[in-house]
Amino acid sequence: MAEQRKSGWIGALVIALLVVALAWVVFGWLHSVRDARQRRSATLTVVAEKALAQSDFEGAARLALAAMKGHNLPLKGSTPAGQR
């Protein structure tokens, strides 16, 4: 009887550790996705500024819009103004 309880606790502990490990992996993945989006946005912003400096207004506008794409996604932590 005591060994059954002990094996039950060990099983519960293993499951809890697996849940924590999975949460840690998901958190790390979400963090890396956020960082990649920030780097992409920063790069596109620099390219848009260069296009603007060369008087390529249409290209600068397209690049600026591309740099802003995704900033209203829930992953970024913001809510579009119309959905508040």
Protein backbone atom coordinates (compact mmCIF):
# COMPACT_ATOMS: atom_id res chain seq x y z
CA MET A 1 0.00 0.00 0.00
CA ALA A 2 2.79 2.42 0.89
CA GLU A 3 4.65 1.59 -2.33
CA GLN A 4 1.55 2.37 -4.40
CA ARG A 5 1.30 5.79 -2.77
CA LYS A 6 4.99 6.39 -3.33
CA SER A 7 4.79 5.44 -7.03
CA GLY A 8 1.69 7.66 -7.36
CA TRP A 9 3.58 10.66 -5.98
CA ILE A 10 6.52 9.94 -8.26
CA GLY A 11 4.20 9.76 -11.27
CA ALA A 12 2.55 13.03 -10.31
CA LEU A 13 5.96 14.65 -9.83
CA VAL A 14 7.14 13.47 -13.26
CA ILE A 15 3.98 14.83 -14.91
CA ALA A 16 4.39 18.16 -13.11
CA LEU A 17 8.01 18.42 -14.25
CA LEU A 18 7.02 17.63 -17.83
CA VAL A 19 4.35 20.37 -17.75
CA VAL A 20 6.88 22.88 -16.40
CA ALA A 21 9.43 21.86 -19.05
CA LEU A 22 6.84 22.20 -21.82
CA ALA A 23 5.80 25.63 -20.56
CA TRP A 24 9.46 26.67 -20.51
CA VAL A 25 9.94 25.54 -24.13
CA VAL A 26 6.80 27.36 -25.30
CA PHE A 27 7.88 30.53 -23.48
CA GLY A 28 11.31 30.36 -25.10
CA TRP A 29 9.80 29.87 -28.55
CA LEU A 30 7.41 32.81 -28.13
CA HIS A 31 10.29 34.97 -26.92
CA SER A 32 12.41 34.09 -29.96
CA VAL A 33 9.49 34.82 -32.32
CA ARG A 34 9.01 38.22 -30.70
CA ASP A 35 12.72 39.03 -31.03
CA ALA A 36 12.76 37.98 -34.69
CA ARG A 37 9.79 40.24 -35.41
CA GLN A 38 11.48 43.17 -33.68
CA ARG A 39 14.69 42.66 -35.68
CA ARG A 40 12.69 42.43 -38.92
CA SER A 41 10.83 45.62 -38.11
CA ALA A 42 14.03 47.48 -37.25
CA THR A 43 15.71 46.34 -40.47
CA LEU A 44 12.75 47.36 -42.62
CA THR A 45 12.64 50.75 -40.89
CA VAL A 46 16.28 51.42 -41.77
CA VAL A 47 15.70 50.40 -45.39
CA ALA A 48 12.58 52.63 -45.54
CA GLU A 49 14.63 55.58 -44.27
CA LYS A 50 17.24 54.97 -46.99
CA ALA A 51 14.52 54.80 -49.65
CA LEU A 52 13.04 58.05 -48.35
CA ALA A 53 16.47 59.71 -48.49
CA GLN A 54 16.67 58.72 -52.18
CA SER A 55 13.22 60.27 -52.82
CA ASP A 56 11.65 56.85 -53.44
CA PHE A 57 8.44 57.78 -51.64
CA GLU A 58 6.37 54.79 -52.79
CA GLY A 59 9.08 52.33 -51.82
CA ALA A 60 9.58 54.05 -48.47
CA ALA A 61 5.85 53.88 -47.75
CA ARG A 62 5.67 50.19 -48.64
CA LEU A 63 8.68 49.37 -46.49
CA ALA A 64 7.30 51.40 -43.58
CA LEU A 65 3.98 49.52 -43.80
CA ALA A 66 5.84 46.22 -43.93
CA ALA A 67 7.82 47.26 -40.83
CA MET A 68 4.58 47.92 -38.96
CA LYS A 69 2.91 44.67 -40.05
CA GLY A 70 2.08 42.45 -37.11
CA HIS A 71 2.34 45.09 -34.39
CA ASN A 72 -1.31 44.59 -33.52
CA LEU A 73 -1.07 40.83 -33.07
CA PRO A 74 -1.93 39.42 -29.63
CA LEU A 75 1.58 37.94 -29.43
CA LYS A 76 2.96 41.47 -29.24
CA GLY A 77 0.65 42.28 -26.35
CA SER A 78 -1.40 45.03 -27.97
CA THR A 79 -5.01 45.21 -29.05
CA PRO A 80 -6.19 47.07 -32.15
CA ALA A 81 -8.06 50.26 -31.27
CA GLY A 82 -11.31 49.06 -32.83
CA GLN A 83 -11.38 45.91 -30.68
CA ARG A 84 -11.00 47.49 -27.23
